[in-house]
């Protein structure tokens, strides 16, 4: 079954909402020996095409890794809100001062003291290819009560929404 434009738009909005609620992901790359490396990164923007944007240092280890293999994985998790997202995509290094100004937030000075004038500052643009999510927006007490109810009734616990976001 083919997605309508409305379905795609709804999927884009749902993914953006969940990513923005969690905001920090484990940004995962692979080094030249095939080892997986993950580090926390704050999302600075998710655009209408589900591209996810990050600021970083142009000379960081992750830049070396994505220069050799641009496949990345982003894992967002917020146990308090029961939101989990696994995103696969390809990463592009973007050096564009106009884009940087568009996404800049003064709080980023904690990581980039030179601000927008920092010569090492660049953007990473992750082009989303696949996105899977698990979302149970109930609070922990409701989740626990539903788990207990399933145990008592001998039924399988239903965890809430989950699935692949078709883009």
Protein backbone atom coordinates (compact mmCIF):
# COMPACT_ATOMS: atom_id res chain seq x y z
CA UNK A 1 0.00 0.00 0.00
CA UNK A 2 1.43 3.38 -1.03
CA UNK A 3 1.64 6.32 1.33
CA UNK A 4 -0.41 9.39 0.46
CA UNK A 5 1.14 12.84 0.75
CA UNK A 6 -0.97 13.34 3.89
CA UNK A 7 0.42 10.10 5.42
CA UNK A 8 4.00 11.17 4.68
CA UNK A 9 3.37 14.63 6.17
CA UNK A 10 1.86 13.06 9.30
CA UNK A 11 4.86 10.71 9.62
CA UNK A 12 7.27 13.64 9.26
CA UNK A 13 5.42 15.60 11.94
CA UNK A 14 5.29 12.62 14.33
CA UNK A 15 8.99 11.91 13.95
CA UNK A 16 9.89 15.58 14.44
CA UNK A 17 7.69 15.79 17.54
CA UNK A 18 9.26 12.72 19.14
CA UNK A 19 12.84 13.77 18.25
CA UNK A 20 12.23 17.25 19.67
CA UNK A 21 10.78 15.78 22.89
CA UNK A 22 13.91 13.67 23.47
CA UNK A 23 16.43 16.03 21.76
CA UNK A 24 19.67 14.22 22.71
CA UNK A 25 20.61 11.06 20.87
CA UNK A 26 23.44 8.58 20.85
CA UNK A 27 25.09 9.38 17.51
CA UNK A 28 26.65 6.13 16.28
CA UNK A 29 29.36 5.71 13.66
CA UNK A 30 31.71 2.94 12.56
CA UNK A 31 35.48 3.34 12.50
CA UNK A 32 37.85 1.97 9.86
CA UNK A 33 38.27 -1.26 11.85
CA UNK A 34 34.51 -1.86 11.97
CA UNK A 35 34.11 -0.88 15.62
CA UNK A 36 30.96 0.95 16.58
CA UNK A 37 31.36 4.22 18.44
CA UNK A 38 28.54 6.22 20.05
CA UNK A 39 28.46 9.62 21.67
CA UNK A 40 25.65 11.87 22.94
CA UNK A 41 24.73 14.76 20.66
CA UNK A 42 22.03 17.38 20.91
CA UNK A 43 19.75 17.81 17.93
CA UNK A 44 19.71 21.42 16.73
CA UNK A 45 17.07 21.07 14.02
CA UNK A 46 14.89 18.58 12.17
CA UNK A 47 13.63 19.90 8.86
CA UNK A 48 10.53 19.16 6.76
CA UNK A 49 12.36 16.36 4.94
CA UNK A 50 13.35 14.64 8.21
CA UNK A 51 16.98 15.67 7.87
CA UNK A 52 18.40 15.91 11.37
CA UNK A 53 21.04 18.58 12.04
CA UNK A 54 23.86 18.76 14.61
CA UNK A 55 26.74 21.14 15.31
CA UNK A 56 30.19 19.63 15.78
CA UNK A 57 33.92 20.23 15.49
CA UNK A 58 35.13 19.70 11.92
CA UNK A 59 38.24 17.90 13.23
CA UNK A 60 36.52 15.51 15.64
CA UNK A 61 36.80 11.74 15.54
CA UNK A 62 33.23 11.37 14.33
CA UNK A 63 34.01 13.54 11.31
CA UNK A 64 36.90 11.23 10.42
CA UNK A 65 34.57 8.26 10.75
CA UNK A 66 31.72 9.68 8.64
CA UNK A 67 34.25 10.79 6.02
CA UNK A 68 35.11 7.09 5.50
CA UNK A 69 31.65 5.60 6.06
CA UNK A 70 28.78 8.07 6.11
CA UNK A 71 26.26 5.57 7.46
CA UNK A 72 25.10 6.59 10.94
CA UNK A 73 22.57 5.49 13.50
CA UNK A 74 20.79 7.82 15.91
CA UNK A 75 19.21 6.40 19.04
CA UNK A 76 16.89 8.66 21.01
CA UNK A 77 15.56 7.43 24.36
CA UNK A 78 13.46 9.12 27.00
CA UNK A 79 12.43 6.48 29.55
CA UNK A 80 10.46 9.03 31.58
CA UNK A 81 8.18 9.65 28.60
CA UNK A 82 8.46 6.10 27.22
CA UNK A 83 9.73 7.39 23.86
CA UNK A 84 12.36 5.43 21.93
CA UNK A 85 13.49 6.07 18.35
CA UNK A 86 16.06 4.33 16.18
CA UNK A 87 17.03 6.24 13.04
CA UNK A 88 19.36 5.06 10.27
CA UNK A 89 20.70 7.44 7.69
CA UNK A 90 23.62 8.91 5.86
CA UNK A 91 25.62 11.83 7.14
CA UNK A 92 26.90 14.86 5.27
CA UNK A 93 29.36 17.44 6.57
CA UNK A 94 28.03 20.95 5.90
CA UNK A 95 30.10 24.11 6.17
CA UNK A 96 27.60 26.85 5.48
CA UNK A 97 27.65 29.99 7.68
CA UNK A 98 24.11 30.94 6.63
CA UNK A 99 22.75 27.57 7.80
CA UNK A 100 24.82 27.81 10.98
CA UNK A 101 23.31 31.23 11.76
CA UNK A 102 19.83 29.82 11.11
CA UNK A 103 20.30 26.98 13.65
CA UNK A 104 22.57 28.74 16.18
CA UNK A 105 21.50 28.90 19.82
CA UNK A 106 23.54 30.89 22.39
CA UNK A 107 23.64 27.82 24.69
CA UNK A 108 25.91 26.16 22.11
CA UNK A 109 28.71 28.47 23.29
CA UNK A 110 29.28 25.98 26.11
CA UNK A 111 30.73 23.60 23.48
CA UNK A 112 31.86 26.18 20.95
CA UNK A 113 33.20 29.21 22.91
CA UNK A 114 34.15 30.97 19.67
CA UNK A 115 30.52 30.86 18.59
CA UNK A 116 29.77 31.17 14.91
CA UNK A 117 33.29 32.52 14.35
CA UNK A 118 34.87 29.25 15.52
CA UNK A 119 36.87 28.05 12.48
CA UNK A 120 36.31 24.39 13.46
CA UNK A 121 32.51 24.71 13.62
CA UNK A 122 30.51 22.70 11.11
CA UNK A 123 27.12 21.07 10.76
CA UNK A 124 26.27 17.43 10.33
CA UNK A 125 23.18 16.72 8.29
CA UNK A 126 21.74 13.24 8.71
CA UNK A 127 19.50 12.23 5.84
CA UNK A 128 16.95 9.90 7.44
CA UNK A 129 16.48 6.62 5.59
CA UNK A 130 14.64 4.50 8.16
CA UNK A 131 13.02 5.34 11.46
CA UNK A 132 11.53 2.97 13.99
CA UNK A 133 9.78 4.13 17.14
CA UNK A 134 8.25 2.91 20.35
CA UNK A 135 6.00 5.42 22.07
CA UNK A 136 3.89 4.87 25.15
CA UNK A 137 2.91 8.32 26.32
CA UNK A 138 1.27 7.03 29.51
CA UNK A 139 2.92 7.88 32.79
CA UNK A 140 4.89 5.21 34.66
CA UNK A 141 2.06 4.37 37.07
CA UNK A 142 -0.34 3.68 34.19
CA UNK A 143 2.31 1.58 32.42
CA UNK A 144 2.93 -0.38 35.64
CA UNK A 145 -0.82 -0.86 36.21
CA UNK A 146 -1.27 -2.12 32.65
CA UNK A 147 1.67 -4.51 33.05
CA UNK A 148 0.21 -5.81 36.31
CA UNK A 149 -3.20 -6.24 34.69
CA UNK A 150 -1.65 -8.25 31.84
CA UNK A 151 0.19 -10.49 34.34
CA UNK A 152 -2.97 -11.12 36.40
CA UNK A 153 -5.03 -11.91 33.28
CA UNK A 154 -2.25 -14.02 31.75
CA UNK A 155 -2.19 -11.78 28.68
CA UNK A 156 0.65 -10.18 26.78
CA UNK A 157 1.38 -6.59 27.78
CA UNK A 158 0.71 -4.14 24.95
CA UNK A 159 3.40 -1.46 25.03
CA UNK A 160 1.68 1.33 23.13
CA UNK A 161 2.50 2.66 19.67
CA UNK A 162 5.39 1.19 17.74
CA UNK A 163 6.36 0.79 14.15
CA UNK A 164 8.36 1.94 11.20
CA UNK A 165 7.86 5.48 10.03
CA UNK A 166 7.47 5.42 6.27
CA UNK A 167 9.11 8.43 4.71
